[in-house]
Amino acid sequence: MIKYVLIYLLIINLGGFLIMLIDKQRAVHKEWRISEKTLMSISILGGSIGMLIGMSTFRHKTKHKKFTIGIPLILLIQISLSILYLKY
C-alpha cells in the first residue's frame, strides 16, 4: 500500500512542478493561463512539494500571498495529518 502512495506522490508532485513551468511560460507569452483554482487543487491533492519547488525554480506566483502562504500551509497540514495517521 505504501508503495502506491509514494508512486502517487511522486507523480502528483512532478505534475505540480510541470504545471508551474507551463503556467509561467504561458504568462511570459501572454497566453491562456491555468486557473489559480486548478493550481491550488493540485497542491491540495498532494502536489504541494512540487508546486513549492516550481514556484521557487521558475519564480512564479511568488508575489501572491495566496500561494506563498497557502501552499506551505497546505503542506504543513498534509505532513501533520500524515504523522497523525502513522501514529495511530
PDB file of N, CA and C in Angstrom:
ATOM      1  N   MET A   1       0.825  -1.196   0.000  1.00  0.00           N
ATOM      2  CA  MET A   1       0.000   0.000   0.000  1.00  0.00           C
ATOM      3  C   MET A   1       0.869   1.261   0.000  1.00  0.00           C
ATOM      4  N   ILE A   2       1.904   1.293   0.847  1.00  0.00           N
ATOM      5  CA  ILE A   2       2.768   2.470   0.951  1.00  0.00           C
ATOM      6  C   ILE A   2       3.469   2.737  -0.381  1.00  0.00           C
ATOM      7  N   LYS A   3       3.765   1.655  -1.110  1.00  0.00           N
ATOM      8  CA  LYS A   3       4.411   1.786  -2.417  1.00  0.00           C
ATOM      9  C   LYS A   3       3.539   2.602  -3.371  1.00  0.00           C
ATOM     10  N   TYR A   4       2.244   2.328  -3.371  1.00  0.00           N
ATOM     11  CA  TYR A   4       1.327   3.043  -4.256  1.00  0.00           C
ATOM     12  C   TYR A   4       1.162   4.505  -3.846  1.00  0.00           C
ATOM     13  N   VAL A   5       1.172   4.754  -2.557  1.00  0.00           N
ATOM     14  CA  VAL A   5       1.081   6.129  -2.062  1.00  0.00           C
ATOM     15  C   VAL A   5       2.314   6.916  -2.495  1.00  0.00           C
ATOM     16  N   LEU A   6       3.480   6.323  -2.373  1.00  0.00           N
ATOM     17  CA  LEU A   6       4.717   7.002  -2.779  1.00  0.00           C
ATOM     18  C   LEU A   6       4.763   7.255  -4.287  1.00  0.00           C
ATOM     19  N   ILE A   7       4.292   6.288  -5.071  1.00  0.00           N
ATOM     20  CA  ILE A   7       4.241   6.475  -6.525  1.00  0.00           C
ATOM     21  C   ILE A   7       3.275   7.612  -6.865  1.00  0.00           C
ATOM     22  N   TYR A   8       2.102   7.641  -6.196  1.00  0.00           N
ATOM     23  CA  TYR A   8       1.135   8.704  -6.411  1.00  0.00           C
ATOM     24  C   TYR A   8       1.749  10.063  -6.083  1.00  0.00           C
ATOM     25  N   LEU A   9       2.404  10.160  -4.921  1.00  0.00           N
ATOM     26  CA  LEU A   9       3.001  11.435  -4.508  1.00  0.00           C
ATOM     27  C   LEU A   9       4.093  11.883  -5.471  1.00  0.00           C
ATOM     28  N   LEU A  10       4.873  10.950  -5.967  1.00  0.00           N
ATOM     29  CA  LEU A  10       5.908  11.279  -6.948  1.00  0.00           C
ATOM     30  C   LEU A  10       5.278  11.857  -8.216  1.00  0.00           C
ATOM     31  N   ILE A  11       4.227  11.210  -8.705  1.00  0.00           N
ATOM     32  CA  ILE A  11       3.570  11.652  -9.941  1.00  0.00           C
ATOM     33  C   ILE A  11       2.883  12.999  -9.747  1.00  0.00           C
ATOM     34  N   ILE A  12       2.141  13.175  -8.664  1.00  0.00           N
ATOM     35  CA  ILE A  12       1.395  14.424  -8.449  1.00  0.00           C
ATOM     36  C   ILE A  12       2.362  15.591  -8.210  1.00  0.00           C
ATOM     37  N   ASN A  13       3.483  15.347  -7.553  1.00  0.00           N
ATOM     38  CA  ASN A  13       4.460  16.419  -7.330  1.00  0.00           C
ATOM     39  C   ASN A  13       5.223  16.763  -8.604  1.00  0.00           C
ATOM     40  N   LEU A  14       5.521  15.783  -9.404  1.00  0.00           N
ATOM     41  CA  LEU A  14       6.128  16.060 -10.703  1.00  0.00           C
ATOM     42  C   LEU A  14       5.143  16.860 -11.558  1.00  0.00           C
ATOM     43  N   GLY A  15       3.872  16.466 -11.505  1.00  0.00           N
ATOM     44  CA  GLY A  15       2.841  17.209 -12.224  1.00  0.00           C
ATOM     45  C   GLY A  15       2.729  18.641 -11.738  1.00  0.00           C
ATOM     46  N   GLY A  16       2.769  18.846 -10.418  1.00  0.00           N
ATOM     47  CA  GLY A  16       2.707  20.196  -9.861  1.00  0.00           C
ATOM     48  C   GLY A  16       3.867  21.058 -10.314  1.00  0.00           C
ATOM     49  N   PHE A  17       5.041  20.469 -10.341  1.00  0.00           N
ATOM     50  CA  PHE A  17       6.236  21.172 -10.807  1.00  0.00           C
ATOM     51  C   PHE A  17       6.075  21.583 -12.276  1.00  0.00           C
ATOM     52  N   LEU A  18       5.638  20.640 -13.105  1.00  0.00           N
ATOM     53  CA  LEU A  18       5.483  20.912 -14.533  1.00  0.00           C
ATOM     54  C   LEU A  18       4.364  21.915 -14.807  1.00  0.00           C
ATOM     55  N   ILE A  19       3.295  21.858 -14.023  1.00  0.00           N
ATOM     56  CA  ILE A  19       2.188  22.811 -14.186  1.00  0.00           C
ATOM     57  C   ILE A  19       2.677  24.231 -13.919  1.00  0.00           C
ATOM     58  N   MET A  20       3.545  24.403 -12.920  1.00  0.00           N
ATOM     59  CA  MET A  20       4.100  25.730 -12.647  1.00  0.00           C
ATOM     60  C   MET A  20       4.957  26.201 -13.820  1.00  0.00           C
ATOM     61  N   LEU A  21       5.725  25.310 -14.409  1.00  0.00           N
ATOM     62  CA  LEU A  21       6.532  25.661 -15.582  1.00  0.00           C
ATOM     63  C   LEU A  21       5.632  26.083 -16.742  1.00  0.00           C
ATOM     64  N   ILE A  22       4.605  25.295 -17.013  1.00  0.00           N
ATOM     65  CA  ILE A  22       3.695  25.596 -18.123  1.00  0.00           C
ATOM     66  C   ILE A  22       2.998  26.931 -17.897  1.00  0.00           C
ATOM     67  N   ASP A  23       2.501  27.161 -16.674  1.00  0.00           N
ATOM     68  CA  ASP A  23       1.799  28.411 -16.398  1.00  0.00           C
ATOM     69  C   ASP A  23       2.741  29.609 -16.497  1.00  0.00           C
ATOM     70  N   LYS A  24       3.969  29.447 -16.060  1.00  0.00           N
ATOM     71  CA  LYS A  24       4.956  30.527 -16.169  1.00  0.00           C
ATOM     72  C   LYS A  24       5.229  30.853 -17.640  1.00  0.00           C
ATOM     73  N   GLN A  25       5.415  29.828 -18.459  1.00  0.00           N
ATOM     74  CA  GLN A  25       5.664  30.053 -19.876  1.00  0.00           C
ATOM     75  C   GLN A  25       4.479  30.744 -20.543  1.00  0.00           C
ATOM     76  N   ARG A  26       3.276  30.340 -20.164  1.00  0.00           N
ATOM     77  CA  ARG A  26       2.083  30.975 -20.726  1.00  0.00           C
ATOM     78  C   ARG A  26       1.977  32.428 -20.270  1.00  0.00           C
ATOM     79  N   ALA A  27       2.375  32.710 -19.040  1.00  0.00           N
ATOM     80  CA  ALA A  27       2.328  34.089 -18.542  1.00  0.00           C
ATOM     81  C   ALA A  27       3.303  34.966 -19.318  1.00  0.00           C
ATOM     82  N   VAL A  28       4.485  34.455 -19.559  1.00  0.00           N
ATOM     83  CA  VAL A  28       5.510  35.208 -20.289  1.00  0.00           C
ATOM     84  C   VAL A  28       5.041  35.528 -21.713  1.00  0.00           C
ATOM     85  N   HIS A  29       4.362  34.563 -22.329  1.00  0.00           N
ATOM     86  CA  HIS A  29       3.916  34.733 -23.719  1.00  0.00           C
ATOM     87  C   HIS A  29       2.499  35.302 -23.823  1.00  0.00           C
ATOM     88  N   LYS A  30       1.954  35.715 -22.675  1.00  0.00           N
ATOM     89  CA  LYS A  30       0.611  36.308 -22.625  1.00  0.00           C
ATOM     90  C   LYS A  30      -0.437  35.414 -23.282  1.00  0.00           C
ATOM     91  N   GLU A  31      -0.370  34.122 -22.941  1.00  0.00           N
ATOM     92  CA  GLU A  31      -1.326  33.145 -23.457  1.00  0.00           C
ATOM     93  C   GLU A  31      -2.331  32.789 -22.370  1.00  0.00           C
ATOM     94  N   TRP A  32      -3.301  31.952 -22.731  1.00  0.00           N
ATOM     95  CA  TRP A  32      -4.294  31.460 -21.785  1.00  0.00           C
ATOM     96  C   TRP A  32      -3.589  30.770 -20.625  1.00  0.00           C
ATOM     97  N   ARG A  33      -4.033  31.052 -19.402  1.00  0.00           N
ATOM     98  CA  ARG A  33      -3.352  30.595 -18.190  1.00  0.00           C
ATOM     99  C   ARG A  33      -4.119  29.475 -17.500  1.00  0.00           C
ATOM    100  N   ILE A  34      -3.425  28.767 -16.665  1.00  0.00           N
ATOM    101  CA  ILE A  34      -4.031  27.748 -15.807  1.00  0.00           C
ATOM    102  C   ILE A  34      -4.637  28.484 -14.619  1.00  0.00           C
ATOM    103  N   SER A  35      -5.863  28.143 -14.255  1.00  0.00           N
ATOM    104  CA  SER A  35      -6.548  28.872 -13.197  1.00  0.00           C
ATOM    105  C   SER A  35      -5.879  28.639 -11.838  1.00  0.00           C
ATOM    106  N   GLU A  36      -6.001  29.646 -10.980  1.00  0.00           N
ATOM    107  CA  GLU A  36      -5.453  29.523  -9.628  1.00  0.00           C
ATOM    108  C   GLU A  36      -6.149  28.396  -8.873  1.00  0.00           C
ATOM    109  N   LYS A  37      -7.423  28.193  -9.157  1.00  0.00           N
ATOM    110  CA  LYS A  37      -8.174  27.104  -8.524  1.00  0.00           C
ATOM    111  C   LYS A  37      -7.539  25.750  -8.865  1.00  0.00           C
ATOM    112  N   THR A  38      -7.153  25.582 -10.119  1.00  0.00           N
ATOM    113  CA  THR A  38      -6.505  24.338 -10.543  1.00  0.00           C
ATOM    114  C   THR A  38      -5.147  24.180  -9.863  1.00  0.00           C
ATOM    115  N   LEU A  39      -4.381  25.259  -9.808  1.00  0.00           N
ATOM    116  CA  LEU A  39      -3.062  25.201  -9.167  1.00  0.00           C
ATOM    117  C   LEU A  39      -3.190  24.826  -7.688  1.00  0.00           C
ATOM    118  N   MET A  40      -4.138  25.441  -6.993  1.00  0.00           N
ATOM    119  CA  MET A  40      -4.336  25.131  -5.572  1.00  0.00           C
ATOM    120  C   MET A  40      -4.859  23.709  -5.392  1.00  0.00           C
ATOM    121  N   SER A  41      -5.709  23.254  -6.308  1.00  0.00           N
ATOM    122  CA  SER A  41      -6.250  21.891  -6.222  1.00  0.00           C
ATOM    123  C   SER A  41      -5.147  20.853  -6.331  1.00  0.00           C
ATOM    124  N   ILE A  42      -4.201  21.079  -7.214  1.00  0.00           N
ATOM    125  CA  ILE A  42      -3.075  20.151  -7.354  1.00  0.00           C
ATOM    126  C   ILE A  42      -2.303  20.083  -6.041  1.00  0.00           C
ATOM    127  N   SER A  43      -2.114  21.222  -5.415  1.00  0.00           N
ATOM    128  CA  SER A  43      -1.424  21.263  -4.129  1.00  0.00           C
ATOM    129  C   SER A  43      -2.199  20.480  -3.069  1.00  0.00           C
ATOM    130  N   ILE A  44      -3.501  20.700  -3.007  1.00  0.00           N
ATOM    131  CA  ILE A  44      -4.345  20.016  -2.018  1.00  0.00           C
ATOM    132  C   ILE A  44      -4.345  18.505  -2.255  1.00  0.00           C
ATOM    133  N   LEU A  45      -4.270  18.086  -3.506  1.00  0.00           N
ATOM    134  CA  LEU A  45      -4.280  16.657  -3.830  1.00  0.00           C
ATOM    135  C   LEU A  45      -2.932  15.975  -3.577  1.00  0.00           C
ATOM    136  N   GLY A  46      -1.970  16.717  -3.039  1.00  0.00           N
ATOM    137  CA  GLY A  46      -0.697  16.113  -2.671  1.00  0.00           C
ATOM    138  C   GLY A  46       0.505  16.661  -3.406  1.00  0.00           C
ATOM    139  N   GLY A  47       0.303  17.626  -4.292  1.00  0.00           N
ATOM    140  CA  GLY A  47       1.412  18.144  -5.086  1.00  0.00           C
ATOM    141  C   GLY A  47       2.057  19.392  -4.537  1.00  0.00           C
ATOM    142  N   SER A  48       1.902  19.641  -3.253  1.00  0.00           N
ATOM    143  CA  SER A  48       2.401  20.895  -2.677  1.00  0.00           C
ATOM    144  C   SER A  48       3.927  21.008  -2.721  1.00  0.00           C
ATOM    145  N   ILE A  49       4.641  19.926  -2.573  1.00  0.00           N
ATOM    146  CA  ILE A  49       6.109  19.996  -2.630  1.00  0.00           C
ATOM    147  C   ILE A  49       6.557  20.368  -4.049  1.00  0.00           C
ATOM    148  N   GLY A  50       5.976  19.731  -5.042  1.00  0.00           N
ATOM    149  CA  GLY A  50       6.309  20.047  -6.432  1.00  0.00           C
ATOM    150  C   GLY A  50       5.941  21.472  -6.791  1.00  0.00           C
ATOM    151  N   MET A  51       4.803  21.930  -6.267  1.00  0.00           N
ATOM    152  CA  MET A  51       4.374  23.302  -6.528  1.00  0.00           C
ATOM    153  C   MET A  51       5.348  24.298  -5.895  1.00  0.00           C
ATOM    154  N   LEU A  52       5.774  24.031  -4.666  1.00  0.00           N
ATOM    155  CA  LEU A  52       6.732  24.918  -3.998  1.00  0.00           C
ATOM    156  C   LEU A  52       8.068  24.964  -4.731  1.00  0.00           C
ATOM    157  N   ILE A  53       8.535  23.821  -5.149  1.00  0.00           N
ATOM    158  CA  ILE A  53       9.798  23.780  -5.890  1.00  0.00           C
ATOM    159  C   ILE A  53       9.639  24.514  -7.224  1.00  0.00           C
ATOM    160  N   GLY A  54       8.497  24.329  -7.888  1.00  0.00           N
ATOM    161  CA  GLY A  54       8.227  25.028  -9.137  1.00  0.00           C
ATOM    162  C   GLY A  54       8.140  26.534  -8.941  1.00  0.00           C
ATOM    163  N   MET A  55       7.483  26.964  -7.867  1.00  0.00           N
ATOM    164  CA  MET A  55       7.394  28.391  -7.572  1.00  0.00           C
ATOM    165  C   MET A  55       8.786  28.995  -7.420  1.00  0.00           C
ATOM    166  N   SER A  56       9.631  28.310  -6.693  1.00  0.00           N
ATOM    167  CA  SER A  56      10.976  28.801  -6.433  1.00  0.00           C
ATOM    168  C   SER A  56      11.849  28.752  -7.697  1.00  0.00           C
ATOM    169  N   THR A  57      11.800  27.648  -8.396  1.00  0.00           N
ATOM    170  CA  THR A  57      12.630  27.456  -9.576  1.00  0.00           C
ATOM    171  C   THR A  57      12.298  28.454 -10.687  1.00  0.00           C
ATOM    172  N   PHE A  58      11.004  28.641 -10.939  1.00  0.00           N
ATOM    173  CA  PHE A  58      10.577  29.481 -12.056  1.00  0.00           C
ATOM    174  C   PHE A  58      10.183  30.893 -11.631  1.00  0.00           C
ATOM    175  N   ARG A  59      10.338  31.194 -10.341  1.00  0.00           N
ATOM    176  CA  ARG A  59       9.932  32.493  -9.789  1.00  0.00           C
ATOM    177  C   ARG A  59       8.518  32.846 -10.243  1.00  0.00           C
ATOM    178  N   HIS A  60       7.629  31.914  -9.979  1.00  0.00           N
ATOM    179  CA  HIS A  60       6.245  32.055 -10.433  1.00  0.00           C
ATOM    180  C   HIS A  60       5.297  32.057  -9.244  1.00  0.00           C
ATOM    181  N   LYS A  61       4.386  33.009  -9.209  1.00  0.00           N
ATOM    182  CA  LYS A  61       3.378  33.171  -8.159  1.00  0.00           C
ATOM    183  C   LYS A  61       4.016  33.513  -6.811  1.00  0.00           C
ATOM    184  N   THR A  62       5.224  34.016  -6.824  1.00  0.00           N
ATOM    185  CA  THR A  62       5.926  34.316  -5.574  1.00  0.00           C
ATOM    186  C   THR A  62       5.514  35.645  -4.954  1.00  0.00           C
ATOM    187  N   LYS A  63       4.716  36.437  -5.663  1.00  0.00           N
ATOM    188  CA  LYS A  63       4.237  37.704  -5.113  1.00  0.00           C
ATOM    189  C   LYS A  63       2.777  37.602  -4.664  1.00  0.00           C
ATOM    190  N   HIS A  64       2.222  36.422  -4.768  1.00  0.00           N
ATOM    191  CA  HIS A  64       0.822  36.199  -4.400  1.00  0.00           C
ATOM    192  C   HIS A  64       0.760  35.503  -3.042  1.00  0.00           C
ATOM    193  N   LYS A  65       0.240  36.194  -2.041  1.00  0.00           N
ATOM    194  CA  LYS A  65       0.150  35.608  -0.692  1.00  0.00           C
ATOM    195  C   LYS A  65      -0.657  34.320  -0.682  1.00  0.00           C
ATOM    196  N   LYS A  66      -1.645  34.237  -1.576  1.00  0.00           N
ATOM    197  CA  LYS A  66      -2.462  33.026  -1.691  1.00  0.00           C
ATOM    198  C   LYS A  66      -1.562  31.804  -1.924  1.00  0.00           C
ATOM    199  N   PHE A  67      -0.481  32.001  -2.634  1.00  0.00           N
ATOM    200  CA  PHE A  67       0.433  30.905  -2.935  1.00  0.00           C
ATOM    201  C   PHE A  67       1.606  30.833  -1.961  1.00  0.00           C
ATOM    202  N   THR A  68       2.190  31.977  -1.613  1.00  0.00           N
ATOM    203  CA  THR A  68       3.369  31.960  -0.737  1.00  0.00           C
ATOM    204  C   THR A  68       3.024  31.547   0.684  1.00  0.00           C
ATOM    205  N   ILE A  69       1.791  31.757   1.087  1.00  0.00           N
ATOM    206  CA  ILE A  69       1.345  31.314   2.414  1.00  0.00           C
ATOM    207  C   ILE A  69       0.510  30.042   2.286  1.00  0.00           C
ATOM    208  N   GLY A  70      -0.370  30.017   1.279  1.00  0.00           N
ATOM    209  CA  GLY A  70      -1.322  28.918   1.127  1.00  0.00           C
ATOM    210  C   GLY A  70      -0.682  27.563   0.873  1.00  0.00           C
ATOM    211  N   ILE A  71       0.227  27.495  -0.052  1.00  0.00           N
ATOM    212  CA  ILE A  71       0.816  26.198  -0.398  1.00  0.00           C
ATOM    213  C   ILE A  71       1.684  25.651   0.742  1.00  0.00           C
ATOM    214  N   PRO A  72       2.547  26.461   1.387  1.00  0.00           N
ATOM    215  CA  PRO A  72       3.271  25.919   2.544  1.00  0.00           C
ATOM    216  C   PRO A  72       2.321  25.490   3.679  1.00  0.00           C
ATOM    217  N   LEU A  73       1.230  26.214   3.854  1.00  0.00           N
ATOM    218  CA  LEU A  73       0.250  25.849   4.876  1.00  0.00           C
ATOM    219  C   LEU A  73      -0.408  24.511   4.528  1.00  0.00           C
ATOM    220  N   ILE A  74      -0.746  24.324   3.262  1.00  0.00           N
ATOM    221  CA  ILE A  74      -1.311  23.041   2.828  1.00  0.00           C
ATOM    222  C   ILE A  74      -0.313  21.922   3.093  1.00  0.00           C
ATOM    223  N   LEU A  75       0.957  22.151   2.778  1.00  0.00           N
ATOM    224  CA  LEU A  75       1.991  21.142   3.013  1.00  0.00           C
ATOM    225  C   LEU A  75       2.112  20.822   4.501  1.00  0.00           C
ATOM    226  N   LEU A  76       2.091  21.831   5.339  1.00  0.00           N
ATOM    227  CA  LEU A  76       2.167  21.626   6.785  1.00  0.00           C
ATOM    228  C   LEU A  76       0.987  20.794   7.287  1.00  0.00           C
ATOM    229  N   ILE A  77      -0.191  21.086   6.792  1.00  0.00           N
ATOM    230  CA  ILE A  77      -1.381  20.310   7.178  1.00  0.00           C
ATOM    231  C   ILE A  77      -1.250  18.873   6.702  1.00  0.00           C
ATOM    232  N   GLN A  78      -0.767  18.673   5.478  1.00  0.00           N
ATOM    233  CA  GLN A  78      -0.597  17.317   4.953  1.00  0.00           C
ATOM    234  C   GLN A  78       0.423  16.517   5.769  1.00  0.00           C
ATOM    235  N   ILE A  79       1.508  17.157   6.135  1.00  0.00           N
ATOM    236  CA  ILE A  79       2.521  16.475   6.953  1.00  0.00           C
ATOM    237  C   ILE A  79       1.948  16.131   8.320  1.00  0.00           C
ATOM    238  N   SER A  80       1.236  17.070   8.921  1.00  0.00           N
ATOM    239  CA  SER A  80       0.631  16.829  10.242  1.00  0.00           C
ATOM    240  C   SER A  80      -0.360  15.679  10.196  1.00  0.00           C
ATOM    241  N   LEU A  81      -1.209  15.669   9.178  1.00  0.00           N
ATOM    242  CA  LEU A  81      -2.185  14.588   9.046  1.00  0.00           C
ATOM    243  C   LEU A  81      -1.501  13.238   8.805  1.00  0.00           C
ATOM    244  N   SER A  82      -0.418  13.253   8.043  1.00  0.00           N
ATOM    245  CA  SER A  82       0.337  12.018   7.796  1.00  0.00           C
ATOM    246  C   SER A  82       0.943  11.483   9.082  1.00  0.00           C
ATOM    247  N   ILE A  83       1.501  12.377   9.884  1.00  0.00           N
ATOM    248  CA  ILE A  83       2.093  11.965  11.164  1.00  0.00           C
ATOM    249  C   ILE A  83       1.023  11.396  12.085  1.00  0.00           C
ATOM    250  N   LEU A  84      -0.110  12.071  12.156  1.00  0.00           N
ATOM    251  CA  LEU A  84      -1.224  11.566  12.974  1.00  0.00           C
ATOM    252  C   LEU A  84      -1.684  10.203  12.505  1.00  0.00           C
ATOM    253  N   TYR A  85      -1.807  10.042  11.201  1.00  0.00           N
ATOM    254  CA  TYR A  85      -2.245   8.766  10.645  1.00  0.00           C
ATOM    255  C   TYR A  85      -1.253   7.646  10.970  1.00  0.00           C
ATOM    256  N   LEU A  86       0.022   7.917  10.800  1.00  0.00           N
ATOM    257  CA  LEU A  86       1.050   6.912  11.065  1.00  0.00           C
ATOM    258  C   LEU A  86       1.202   6.610  12.552  1.00  0.00           C
ATOM    259  N   LYS A  87       0.879   7.586  13.380  1.00  0.00           N
ATOM    260  CA  LYS A  87       0.996   7.421  14.825  1.00  0.00           C
ATOM    261  C   LYS A  87      -0.060   6.468  15.376  1.00  0.00           C
ATOM    262  N   TYR A  88      -1.248   6.516  14.778  1.00  0.00           N
ATOM    263  CA  TYR A  88      -2.369   5.708  15.294  1.00  0.00           C
ATOM    264  C   TYR A  88      -2.705   4.635  14.368  1.00  0.00           C
TER     265      TYR A  88
END
